[in-house]
Amino acid sequence: MPPVFTERQERAITLLHHASAALNREPCTAADIEEAVDHATQALRLADNDNGIKSVANIILGGCHENQDKWNLAYYEYKAAREQCEGRWTNELEQTFQYCLCKVFPRE
């Protein structure tokens, strides 16, 4: 039996699909990134207590902030995603998180 989602969760998932589609356009412009930020932010607000939706939204937002050279925001988005993803954190995401960490808190 497939999982049952609330209306808010379904809207959030749809928004995440729209955010992902905006980032996959070629070439990806600043307007596309802003569109993805808007969709992912709305999805985050609709997620309620669904950590899966929250973590995906935070990962999308982290990637957007990386593309905008907003390293502090990217770091905290990835940090939130890491805390919420419940064992689905990949090595690639960890490397991205560590890169942002080094950009925000460089070693002297």
PDB file of N, CA and C in Angstrom:
ATOM      1  N   MET A   1       0.844  -1.180   0.000  1.00  0.00           N
ATOM      2  CA  MET A   1       0.000   0.000   0.000  1.00  0.00           C
ATOM      3  C   MET A   1       0.892   1.246   0.000  1.00  0.00           C
ATOM      4  N   PRO A   2       0.684   2.147  -0.954  1.00  0.00           N
ATOM      5  CA  PRO A   2       1.517   3.356  -1.023  1.00  0.00           C
ATOM      6  C   PRO A   2       1.256   4.259   0.186  1.00  0.00           C
ATOM      7  N   PRO A   3       2.254   5.071   0.537  1.00  0.00           N
ATOM      8  CA  PRO A   3       2.063   5.957   1.684  1.00  0.00           C
ATOM      9  C   PRO A   3       0.949   6.965   1.425  1.00  0.00           C
ATOM     10  N   VAL A   4       0.260   7.319   2.482  1.00  0.00           N
ATOM     11  CA  VAL A   4      -0.822   8.299   2.389  1.00  0.00           C
ATOM     12  C   VAL A   4      -0.263   9.644   2.850  1.00  0.00           C
ATOM     13  N   PHE A   5      -0.398  10.634   1.991  1.00  0.00           N
ATOM     14  CA  PHE A   5       0.089  11.965   2.307  1.00  0.00           C
ATOM     15  C   PHE A   5      -1.079  12.895   2.577  1.00  0.00           C
ATOM     16  N   THR A   6      -0.840  13.868   3.450  1.00  0.00           N
ATOM     17  CA  THR A   6      -1.835  14.907   3.659  1.00  0.00           C
ATOM     18  C   THR A   6      -1.805  15.846   2.456  1.00  0.00           C
ATOM     19  N   GLU A   7      -2.791  16.699   2.368  1.00  0.00           N
ATOM     20  CA  GLU A   7      -2.833  17.666   1.264  1.00  0.00           C
ATOM     21  C   GLU A   7      -1.613  18.585   1.310  1.00  0.00           C
ATOM     22  N   ARG A   8      -1.212  19.000   2.512  1.00  0.00           N
ATOM     23  CA  ARG A   8      -0.040  19.870   2.655  1.00  0.00           C
ATOM     24  C   ARG A   8       1.231  19.159   2.190  1.00  0.00           C
ATOM     25  N   GLN A   9       1.363  17.880   2.534  1.00  0.00           N
ATOM     26  CA  GLN A   9       2.535  17.121   2.106  1.00  0.00           C
ATOM     27  C   GLN A   9       2.557  16.962   0.588  1.00  0.00           C
ATOM     28  N   GLU A  10       1.403  16.702  -0.005  1.00  0.00           N
ATOM     29  CA  GLU A  10       1.336  16.571  -1.465  1.00  0.00           C
ATOM     30  C   GLU A  10       1.725  17.868  -2.148  1.00  0.00           C
ATOM     31  N   ARG A  11       1.249  19.002  -1.615  1.00  0.00           N
ATOM     32  CA  ARG A  11       1.625  20.302  -2.183  1.00  0.00           C
ATOM     33  C   ARG A  11       3.123  20.539  -2.022  1.00  0.00           C
ATOM     34  N   ALA A  12       3.668  20.167  -0.866  1.00  0.00           N
ATOM     35  CA  ALA A  12       5.104  20.343  -0.629  1.00  0.00           C
ATOM     36  C   ALA A  12       5.922  19.502  -1.607  1.00  0.00           C
ATOM     37  N   ILE A  13       5.510  18.267  -1.833  1.00  0.00           N
ATOM     38  CA  ILE A  13       6.226  17.393  -2.771  1.00  0.00           C
ATOM     39  C   ILE A  13       6.158  17.956  -4.182  1.00  0.00           C
ATOM     40  N   THR A  14       4.998  18.471  -4.569  1.00  0.00           N
ATOM     41  CA  THR A  14       4.854  19.095  -5.890  1.00  0.00           C
ATOM     42  C   THR A  14       5.788  20.295  -6.017  1.00  0.00           C
ATOM     43  N   LEU A  15       5.873  21.104  -4.964  1.00  0.00           N
ATOM     44  CA  LEU A  15       6.771  22.262  -4.980  1.00  0.00           C
ATOM     45  C   LEU A  15       8.234  21.831  -5.092  1.00  0.00           C
ATOM     46  N   LEU A  16       8.589  20.732  -4.441  1.00  0.00           N
ATOM     47  CA  LEU A  16       9.963  20.233  -4.547  1.00  0.00           C
ATOM     48  C   LEU A  16      10.268  19.770  -5.965  1.00  0.00           C
ATOM     49  N   HIS A  17       9.279  19.164  -6.622  1.00  0.00           N
ATOM     50  CA  HIS A  17       9.467  18.773  -8.028  1.00  0.00           C
ATOM     51  C   HIS A  17       9.669  20.008  -8.903  1.00  0.00           C
ATOM     52  N   HIS A  18       8.897  21.070  -8.638  1.00  0.00           N
ATOM     53  CA  HIS A  18       9.049  22.315  -9.400  1.00  0.00           C
ATOM     54  C   HIS A  18      10.427  22.939  -9.148  1.00  0.00           C
ATOM     55  N   ALA A  19      10.883  22.897  -7.893  1.00  0.00           N
ATOM     56  CA  ALA A  19      12.204  23.446  -7.566  1.00  0.00           C
ATOM     57  C   ALA A  19      13.297  22.679  -8.297  1.00  0.00           C
ATOM     58  N   SER A  20      13.191  21.371  -8.290  1.00  0.00           N
ATOM     59  CA  SER A  20      14.176  20.536  -8.981  1.00  0.00           C
ATOM     60  C   SER A  20      14.168  20.799 -10.484  1.00  0.00           C
ATOM     61  N   ALA A  21      12.978  20.945 -11.047  1.00  0.00           N
ATOM     62  CA  ALA A  21      12.862  21.227 -12.484  1.00  0.00           C
ATOM     63  C   ALA A  21      13.509  22.567 -12.825  1.00  0.00           C
ATOM     64  N   ALA A  22      13.327  23.562 -11.961  1.00  0.00           N
ATOM     65  CA  ALA A  22      13.925  24.878 -12.208  1.00  0.00           C
ATOM     66  C   ALA A  22      15.450  24.784 -12.217  1.00  0.00           C
ATOM     67  N   LEU A  23      16.007  23.959 -11.340  1.00  0.00           N
ATOM     68  CA  LEU A  23      17.468  23.819 -11.276  1.00  0.00           C
ATOM     69  C   LEU A  23      18.032  22.996 -12.423  1.00  0.00           C
ATOM     70  N   ASN A  24      17.201  22.170 -13.042  1.00  0.00           N
ATOM     71  CA  ASN A  24      17.671  21.304 -14.129  1.00  0.00           C
ATOM     72  C   ASN A  24      17.548  21.939 -15.509  1.00  0.00           C
ATOM     73  N   ARG A  25      17.078  23.179 -15.567  1.00  0.00           N
ATOM     74  CA  ARG A  25      16.999  23.863 -16.861  1.00  0.00           C
ATOM     75  C   ARG A  25      18.408  24.173 -17.354  1.00  0.00           C
ATOM     76  N   GLU A  26      18.567  24.098 -18.650  1.00  0.00           N
ATOM     77  CA  GLU A  26      19.865  24.419 -19.257  1.00  0.00           C
ATOM     78  C   GLU A  26      19.711  25.628 -20.152  1.00  0.00           C
ATOM     79  N   PRO A  27      20.458  26.666 -20.007  1.00  0.00           N
ATOM     80  CA  PRO A  27      21.350  26.913 -18.887  1.00  0.00           C
ATOM     81  C   PRO A  27      20.549  27.360 -17.665  1.00  0.00           C
ATOM     82  N   CYS A  28      21.051  27.073 -16.483  1.00  0.00           N
ATOM     83  CA  CYS A  28      20.393  27.454 -15.231  1.00  0.00           C
ATOM     84  C   CYS A  28      20.776  28.907 -14.923  1.00  0.00           C
ATOM     85  N   THR A  29      19.787  29.777 -14.903  1.00  0.00           N
ATOM     86  CA  THR A  29      20.032  31.205 -14.696  1.00  0.00           C
ATOM     87  C   THR A  29      19.777  31.585 -13.240  1.00  0.00           C
ATOM     88  N   ALA A  30      20.127  32.821 -12.905  1.00  0.00           N
ATOM     89  CA  ALA A  30      19.865  33.329 -11.558  1.00  0.00           C
ATOM     90  C   ALA A  30      18.366  33.321 -11.267  1.00  0.00           C
ATOM     91  N   ALA A  31      17.554  33.602 -12.281  1.00  0.00           N
ATOM     92  CA  ALA A  31      16.097  33.574 -12.100  1.00  0.00           C
ATOM     93  C   ALA A  31      15.611  32.158 -11.796  1.00  0.00           C
ATOM     94  N   ASP A  32      16.218  31.159 -12.443  1.00  0.00           N
ATOM     95  CA  ASP A  32      15.865  29.761 -12.164  1.00  0.00           C
ATOM     96  C   ASP A  32      16.211  29.391 -10.722  1.00  0.00           C
ATOM     97  N   ILE A  33      17.357  29.854 -10.266  1.00  0.00           N
ATOM     98  CA  ILE A  33      17.775  29.569  -8.895  1.00  0.00           C
ATOM     99  C   ILE A  33      16.822  30.234  -7.909  1.00  0.00           C
ATOM    100  N   GLU A  34      16.444  31.476  -8.165  1.00  0.00           N
ATOM    101  CA  GLU A  34      15.493  32.164  -7.292  1.00  0.00           C
ATOM    102  C   GLU A  34      14.144  31.451  -7.277  1.00  0.00           C
ATOM    103  N   GLU A  35      13.718  30.962  -8.437  1.00  0.00           N
ATOM    104  CA  GLU A  35      12.466  30.203  -8.514  1.00  0.00           C
ATOM    105  C   GLU A  35      12.564  28.938  -7.661  1.00  0.00           C
ATOM    106  N   ALA A  36      13.694  28.251  -7.743  1.00  0.00           N
ATOM    107  CA  ALA A  36      13.896  27.037  -6.944  1.00  0.00           C
ATOM    108  C   ALA A  36      13.900  27.362  -5.453  1.00  0.00           C
ATOM    109  N   VAL A  37      14.528  28.477  -5.073  1.00  0.00           N
ATOM    110  CA  VAL A  37      14.533  28.906  -3.671  1.00  0.00           C
ATOM    111  C   VAL A  37      13.109  29.156  -3.195  1.00  0.00           C
ATOM    112  N   ASP A  38      12.322  29.851  -4.011  1.00  0.00           N
ATOM    113  CA  ASP A  38      10.930  30.131  -3.640  1.00  0.00           C
ATOM    114  C   ASP A  38      10.136  28.847  -3.441  1.00  0.00           C
ATOM    115  N   HIS A  39      10.246  27.918  -4.388  1.00  0.00           N
ATOM    116  CA  HIS A  39       9.498  26.659  -4.290  1.00  0.00           C
ATOM    117  C   HIS A  39       9.946  25.834  -3.080  1.00  0.00           C
ATOM    118  N   ALA A  40      11.246  25.725  -2.875  1.00  0.00           N
ATOM    119  CA  ALA A  40      11.758  24.924  -1.760  1.00  0.00           C
ATOM    120  C   ALA A  40      11.388  25.547  -0.415  1.00  0.00           C
ATOM    121  N   THR A  41      11.409  26.871  -0.338  1.00  0.00           N
ATOM    122  CA  THR A  41      11.020  27.554   0.897  1.00  0.00           C
ATOM    123  C   THR A  41       9.550  27.310   1.206  1.00  0.00           C
ATOM    124  N   GLN A  42       8.704  27.394   0.185  1.00  0.00           N
ATOM    125  CA  GLN A  42       7.281  27.108   0.389  1.00  0.00           C
ATOM    126  C   GLN A  42       7.080  25.664   0.824  1.00  0.00           C
ATOM    127  N   ALA A  43       7.807  24.738   0.221  1.00  0.00           N
ATOM    128  CA  ALA A  43       7.701  23.323   0.593  1.00  0.00           C
ATOM    129  C   ALA A  43       8.115  23.121   2.048  1.00  0.00           C
ATOM    130  N   LEU A  44       9.156  23.810   2.461  1.00  0.00           N
ATOM    131  CA  LEU A  44       9.629  23.709   3.839  1.00  0.00           C
ATOM    132  C   LEU A  44       8.553  24.173   4.815  1.00  0.00           C
ATOM    133  N   ARG A  45       7.852  25.225   4.454  1.00  0.00           N
ATOM    134  CA  ARG A  45       6.774  25.729   5.313  1.00  0.00           C
ATOM    135  C   ARG A  45       5.592  24.774   5.386  1.00  0.00           C
ATOM    136  N   LEU A  46       5.363  24.025   4.318  1.00  0.00           N
ATOM    137  CA  LEU A  46       4.242  23.085   4.284  1.00  0.00           C
ATOM    138  C   LEU A  46       4.589  21.723   4.886  1.00  0.00           C
ATOM    139  N   ALA A  47       5.842  21.472   5.162  1.00  0.00           N
ATOM    140  CA  ALA A  47       6.296  20.134   5.560  1.00  0.00           C
ATOM    141  C   ALA A  47       5.782  19.680   6.922  1.00  0.00           C
ATOM    142  N   ASP A  48       5.392  20.601   7.776  1.00  0.00           N
ATOM    143  CA  ASP A  48       4.967  20.272   9.139  1.00  0.00           C
ATOM    144  C   ASP A  48       6.048  19.425   9.816  1.00  0.00           C
ATOM    145  N   ASN A  49       5.730  18.200  10.197  1.00  0.00           N
ATOM    146  CA  ASN A  49       6.692  17.346  10.907  1.00  0.00           C
ATOM    147  C   ASN A  49       7.313  16.282  10.021  1.00  0.00           C
ATOM    148  N   ASP A  50       7.230  16.431   8.712  1.00  0.00           N
ATOM    149  CA  ASP A  50       7.770  15.438   7.784  1.00  0.00           C
ATOM    150  C   ASP A  50       9.247  15.734   7.531  1.00  0.00           C
ATOM    151  N   ASN A  51      10.114  15.003   8.219  1.00  0.00           N
ATOM    152  CA  ASN A  51      11.555  15.249   8.088  1.00  0.00           C
ATOM    153  C   ASN A  51      12.085  14.922   6.703  1.00  0.00           C
ATOM    154  N   GLY A  52      11.450  14.003   5.992  1.00  0.00           N
ATOM    155  CA  GLY A  52      11.880  13.681   4.630  1.00  0.00           C
ATOM    156  C   GLY A  52      11.721  14.871   3.706  1.00  0.00           C
ATOM    157  N   ILE A  53      10.558  15.507   3.761  1.00  0.00           N
ATOM    158  CA  ILE A  53      10.311  16.695   2.938  1.00  0.00           C
ATOM    159  C   ILE A  53      11.241  17.825   3.369  1.00  0.00           C
ATOM    160  N   LYS A  54      11.396  18.008   4.670  1.00  0.00           N
ATOM    161  CA  LYS A  54      12.270  19.069   5.168  1.00  0.00           C
ATOM    162  C   LYS A  54      13.707  18.878   4.692  1.00  0.00           C
ATOM    163  N   SER A  55      14.197  17.641   4.768  1.00  0.00           N
ATOM    164  CA  SER A  55      15.593  17.418   4.382  1.00  0.00           C
ATOM    165  C   SER A  55      15.806  17.652   2.891  1.00  0.00           C
ATOM    166  N   VAL A  56      14.860  17.219   2.055  1.00  0.00           N
ATOM    167  CA  VAL A  56      14.991  17.459   0.609  1.00  0.00           C
ATOM    168  C   VAL A  56      14.950  18.956   0.319  1.00  0.00           C
ATOM    169  N   ALA A  57      14.033  19.672   0.969  1.00  0.00           N
ATOM    170  CA  ALA A  57      13.941  21.122   0.768  1.00  0.00           C
ATOM    171  C   ALA A  57      15.237  21.803   1.196  1.00  0.00           C
ATOM    172  N   ASN A  58      15.790  21.394   2.338  1.00  0.00           N
ATOM    173  CA  ASN A  58      17.042  21.985   2.807  1.00  0.00           C
ATOM    174  C   ASN A  58      18.207  21.680   1.869  1.00  0.00           C
ATOM    175  N   ILE A  59      18.238  20.481   1.300  1.00  0.00           N
ATOM    176  CA  ILE A  59      19.302  20.135   0.349  1.00  0.00           C
ATOM    177  C   ILE A  59      19.186  20.990  -0.910  1.00  0.00           C
ATOM    178  N   ILE A  60      17.970  21.173  -1.410  1.00  0.00           N
ATOM    179  CA  ILE A  60      17.768  22.027  -2.588  1.00  0.00           C
ATOM    180  C   ILE A  60      18.188  23.457  -2.270  1.00  0.00           C
ATOM    181  N   LEU A  61      17.764  23.963  -1.102  1.00  0.00           N
ATOM    182  CA  LEU A  61      18.129  25.329  -0.718  1.00  0.00           C
ATOM    183  C   LEU A  61      19.644  25.463  -0.547  1.00  0.00           C
ATOM    184  N   GLY A  62      20.285  24.452   0.027  1.00  0.00           N
ATOM    185  CA  GLY A  62      21.741  24.488   0.173  1.00  0.00           C
ATOM    186  C   GLY A  62      22.437  24.589  -1.170  1.00  0.00           C
ATOM    187  N   GLY A  63      21.976  23.806  -2.137  1.00  0.00           N
ATOM    188  CA  GLY A  63      22.553  23.867  -3.484  1.00  0.00           C
ATOM    189  C   GLY A  63      22.340  25.216  -4.142  1.00  0.00           C
ATOM    190  N   CYS A  64      21.157  25.779  -3.943  1.00  0.00           N
ATOM    191  CA  CYS A  64      20.877  27.107  -4.502  1.00  0.00           C
ATOM    192  C   CYS A  64      21.811  28.149  -3.893  1.00  0.00           C
ATOM    193  N   HIS A  65      21.974  28.104  -2.576  1.00  0.00           N
ATOM    194  CA  HIS A  65      22.834  29.078  -1.910  1.00  0.00           C
ATOM    195  C   HIS A  65      24.298  28.898  -2.303  1.00  0.00           C
ATOM    196  N   GLU A  66      24.707  27.664  -2.562  1.00  0.00           N
ATOM    197  CA  GLU A  66      26.067  27.436  -3.081  1.00  0.00           C
ATOM    198  C   GLU A  66      26.246  28.157  -4.412  1.00  0.00           C
ATOM    199  N   ASN A  67      25.268  27.998  -5.300  1.00  0.00           N
ATOM    200  CA  ASN A  67      25.342  28.638  -6.620  1.00  0.00           C
ATOM    201  C   ASN A  67      25.341  30.152  -6.523  1.00  0.00           C
ATOM    202  N   GLN A  68      24.777  30.683  -5.439  1.00  0.00           N
ATOM    203  CA  GLN A  68      24.728  32.132  -5.241  1.00  0.00           C
ATOM    204  C   GLN A  68      25.919  32.641  -4.422  1.00  0.00           C
ATOM    205  N   ASP A  69      26.857  31.754  -4.090  1.00  0.00           N
ATOM    206  CA  ASP A  69      28.003  32.085  -3.228  1.00  0.00           C
ATOM    207  C   ASP A  69      27.573  32.594  -1.857  1.00  0.00           C
ATOM    208  N   LYS A  70      26.472  32.082  -1.359  1.00  0.00           N
ATOM    209  CA  LYS A  70      25.995  32.400  -0.009  1.00  0.00           C
ATOM    210  C   LYS A  70      26.358  31.211   0.883  1.00  0.00           C
ATOM    211  N   TRP A  71      27.631  31.123   1.225  1.00  0.00           N
ATOM    212  CA  TRP A  71      28.160  29.933   1.885  1.00  0.00           C
ATOM    213  C   TRP A  71      27.603  29.733   3.280  1.00  0.00           C
ATOM    214  N   ASN A  72      27.369  30.826   4.029  1.00  0.00           N
ATOM    215  CA  ASN A  72      26.789  30.682   5.368  1.00  0.00           C
ATOM    216  C   ASN A  72      25.418  30.032   5.291  1.00  0.00           C
ATOM    217  N   LEU A  73      24.580  30.523   4.377  1.00  0.00           N
ATOM    218  CA  LEU A  73      23.242  29.950   4.229  1.00  0.00           C
ATOM    219  C   LEU A  73      23.313  28.500   3.763  1.00  0.00           C
ATOM    220  N   ALA A  74      24.200  28.216   2.818  1.00  0.00           N
ATOM    221  CA  ALA A  74      24.345  26.843   2.322  1.00  0.00           C
ATOM    222  C   ALA A  74      24.750  25.908   3.459  1.00  0.00           C
ATOM    223  N   TYR A  75      25.704  26.339   4.270  1.00  0.00           N
ATOM    224  CA  TYR A  75      26.166  25.511   5.386  1.00  0.00           C
ATOM    225  C   TYR A  75      25.012  25.165   6.326  1.00  0.00           C
ATOM    226  N   TYR A  76      24.224  26.164   6.712  1.00  0.00           N
ATOM    227  CA  TYR A  76      23.145  25.912   7.668  1.00  0.00           C
ATOM    228  C   TYR A  76      21.996  25.111   7.054  1.00  0.00           C
ATOM    229  N   GLU A  77      21.763  25.259   5.757  1.00  0.00           N
ATOM    230  CA  GLU A  77      20.745  24.424   5.096  1.00  0.00           C
ATOM    231  C   GLU A  77      21.188  22.965   5.082  1.00  0.00           C
ATOM    232  N   TYR A  78      22.448  22.732   4.728  1.00  0.00           N
ATOM    233  CA  TYR A  78      22.959  21.357   4.720  1.00  0.00           C
ATOM    234  C   TYR A  78      22.997  20.774   6.134  1.00  0.00           C
ATOM    235  N   LYS A  79      23.345  21.610   7.100  1.00  0.00           N
ATOM    236  CA  LYS A  79      23.374  21.139   8.487  1.00  0.00           C
ATOM    237  C   LYS A  79      21.980  20.695   8.926  1.00  0.00           C
ATOM    238  N   ALA A  80      20.966  21.483   8.601  1.00  0.00           N
ATOM    239  CA  ALA A  80      19.587  21.118   8.943  1.00  0.00           C
ATOM    240  C   ALA A  80      19.175  19.835   8.229  1.00  0.00           C
ATOM    241  N   ALA A  81      19.533  19.717   6.965  1.00  0.00           N
ATOM    242  CA  ALA A  81      19.187  18.508   6.200  1.00  0.00           C
ATOM    243  C   ALA A  81      19.847  17.282   6.816  1.00  0.00           C
ATOM    244  N   ARG A  82      21.093  17.443   7.216  1.00  0.00           N
ATOM    245  CA  ARG A  82      21.841  16.327   7.809  1.00  0.00           C
ATOM    246  C   ARG A  82      21.172  15.837   9.091  1.00  0.00           C
ATOM    247  N   GLU A  83      20.660  16.763   9.885  1.00  0.00           N
ATOM    248  CA  GLU A  83      19.998  16.402  11.139  1.00  0.00           C
ATOM    249  C   GLU A  83      18.644  15.737  10.904  1.00  0.00           C
ATOM    250  N   GLN A  84      18.011  16.031   9.772  1.00  0.00           N
ATOM    251  CA  GLN A  84      16.657  15.546   9.518  1.00  0.00           C
ATOM    252  C   GLN A  84      16.588  14.314   8.635  1.00  0.00           C
ATOM    253  N   CYS A  85      17.664  13.934   7.992  1.00  0.00           N
ATOM    254  CA  CYS A  85      17.544  12.928   6.934  1.00  0.00           C
ATOM    255  C   CYS A  85      17.505  11.490   7.426  1.00  0.00           C
ATOM    256  N   GLU A  86      17.676  11.250   8.699  1.00  0.00           N
ATOM    257  CA  GLU A  86      17.437   9.941   9.302  1.00  0.00           C
ATOM    258  C   GLU A  86      18.171   8.800   8.589  1.00  0.00           C
ATOM    259  N   GLY A  87      19.484   8.885   8.522  1.00  0.00           N
ATOM    260  CA  GLY A  87      20.270   7.790   7.979  1.00  0.00           C
ATOM    261  C   GLY A  87      20.413   7.747   6.471  1.00  0.00           C
ATOM    262  N   ARG A  88      19.876   8.709   5.759  1.00  0.00           N
ATOM    263  CA  ARG A  88      19.978   8.708   4.295  1.00  0.00           C
ATOM    264  C   ARG A  88      21.020   9.713   3.804  1.00  0.00           C
ATOM    265  N   TRP A  89      21.907  10.128   4.660  1.00  0.00           N
ATOM    266  CA  TRP A  89      22.942  11.105   4.318  1.00  0.00           C
ATOM    267  C   TRP A  89      24.048  10.388   3.566  1.00  0.00           C
ATOM    268  N   THR A  90      24.336  10.820   2.358  1.00  0.00           N
ATOM    269  CA  THR A  90      25.319  10.135   1.518  1.00  0.00           C
ATOM    270  C   THR A  90      26.713  10.732   1.696  1.00  0.00           C
ATOM    271  N   ASN A  91      27.716  10.020   1.219  1.00  0.00           N
ATOM    272  CA  ASN A  91      29.090  10.538   1.251  1.00  0.00           C
ATOM    273  C   ASN A  91      29.213  11.811   0.426  1.00  0.00           C
ATOM    274  N   GLU A  92      28.510  11.862  -0.700  1.00  0.00           N
ATOM    275  CA  GLU A  92      28.556  13.056  -1.548  1.00  0.00           C
ATOM    276  C   GLU A  92      27.996  14.267  -0.807  1.00  0.00           C
ATOM    277  N   LEU A  93      26.877  14.082  -0.102  1.00  0.00           N
ATOM    278  CA  LEU A  93      26.310  15.185   0.673  1.00  0.00           C
ATOM    279  C   LEU A  93      27.248  15.582   1.810  1.00  0.00           C
ATOM    280  N   GLU A  94      27.888  14.609   2.430  1.00  0.00           N
ATOM    281  CA  GLU A  94      28.838  14.909   3.505  1.00  0.00           C
ATOM    282  C   GLU A  94      30.015  15.720   2.972  1.00  0.00           C
ATOM    283  N   GLN A  95      30.514  15.377   1.790  1.00  0.00           N
ATOM    284  CA  GLN A  95      31.615  16.134   1.189  1.00  0.00           C
ATOM    285  C   GLN A  95      31.186  17.564   0.883  1.00  0.00           C
ATOM    286  N   THR A  96      29.966  17.732   0.380  1.00  0.00           N
ATOM    287  CA  THR A  96      29.447  19.071   0.097  1.00  0.00           C
ATOM    288  C   THR A  96      29.316  19.864   1.388  1.00  0.00           C
ATOM    289  N   PHE A  97      28.782  19.219   2.425  1.00  0.00           N
ATOM    290  CA  PHE A  97      28.643  19.861   3.732  1.00  0.00           C
ATOM    291  C   PHE A  97      30.010  20.287   4.266  1.00  0.00           C
ATOM    292  N   GLN A  98      31.009  19.412   4.177  1.00  0.00           N
ATOM    293  CA  GLN A  98      32.347  19.724   4.675  1.00  0.00           C
ATOM    294  C   GLN A  98      32.985  20.864   3.879  1.00  0.00           C
ATOM    295  N   TYR A  99      32.725  20.907   2.568  1.00  0.00           N
ATOM    296  CA  TYR A  99      33.246  21.994   1.742  1.00  0.00           C
ATOM    297  C   TYR A  99      32.655  23.330   2.203  1.00  0.00           C
ATOM    298  N   CYS A 100      31.339  23.350   2.436  1.00  0.00           N
ATOM    299  CA  CYS A 100      30.692  24.573   2.925  1.00  0.00           C
ATOM    300  C   CYS A 100      31.233  24.955   4.298  1.00  0.00           C
ATOM    301  N   LEU A 101      31.452  23.959   5.136  1.00  0.00           N
ATOM    302  CA  LEU A 101      32.014  24.199   6.464  1.00  0.00           C
ATOM    303  C   LEU A 101      33.367  24.901   6.351  1.00  0.00           C
ATOM    304  N   CYS A 102      34.205  24.434   5.433  1.00  0.00           N
ATOM    305  CA  CYS A 102      35.526  25.050   5.228  1.00  0.00           C
ATOM    306  C   CYS A 102      35.420  26.462   4.658  1.00  0.00           C
ATOM    307  N   LYS A 103      34.408  26.703   3.826  1.00  0.00           N
ATOM    308  CA  LYS A 103      34.214  28.049   3.268  1.00  0.00           C
ATOM    309  C   LYS A 103      33.747  29.021   4.355  1.00  0.00           C
ATOM    310  N   VAL A 104      32.912  28.533   5.285  1.00  0.00           N
ATOM    311  CA  VAL A 104      32.353  29.392   6.329  1.00  0.00           C
ATOM    312  C   VAL A 104      33.336  29.566   7.483  1.00  0.00           C
ATOM    313  N   PHE A 105      33.999  28.485   7.861  1.00  0.00           N
ATOM    314  CA  PHE A 105      34.931  28.510   8.988  1.00  0.00           C
ATOM    315  C   PHE A 105      36.309  28.048   8.514  1.00  0.00           C
ATOM    316  N   PRO A 106      37.024  28.897   7.753  1.00  0.00           N
ATOM    317  CA  PRO A 106      38.330  28.478   7.218  1.00  0.00           C
ATOM    318  C   PRO A 106      39.354  28.296   8.338  1.00  0.00           C
ATOM    319  N   ARG A 107      40.220  27.327   8.140  1.00  0.00           N
ATOM    320  CA  ARG A 107      41.308  27.106   9.101  1.00  0.00           C
ATOM    321  C   ARG A 107      42.436  28.070   8.784  1.00  0.00           C
ATOM    322  N   GLU A 108      43.073  28.531   9.814  1.00  0.00           N
ATOM    323  CA  GLU A 108      44.150  29.505   9.616  1.00  0.00           C
ATOM    324  C   GLU A 108      45.490  28.858   9.544  1.00  0.00           C
TER     325      GLU A 108
END
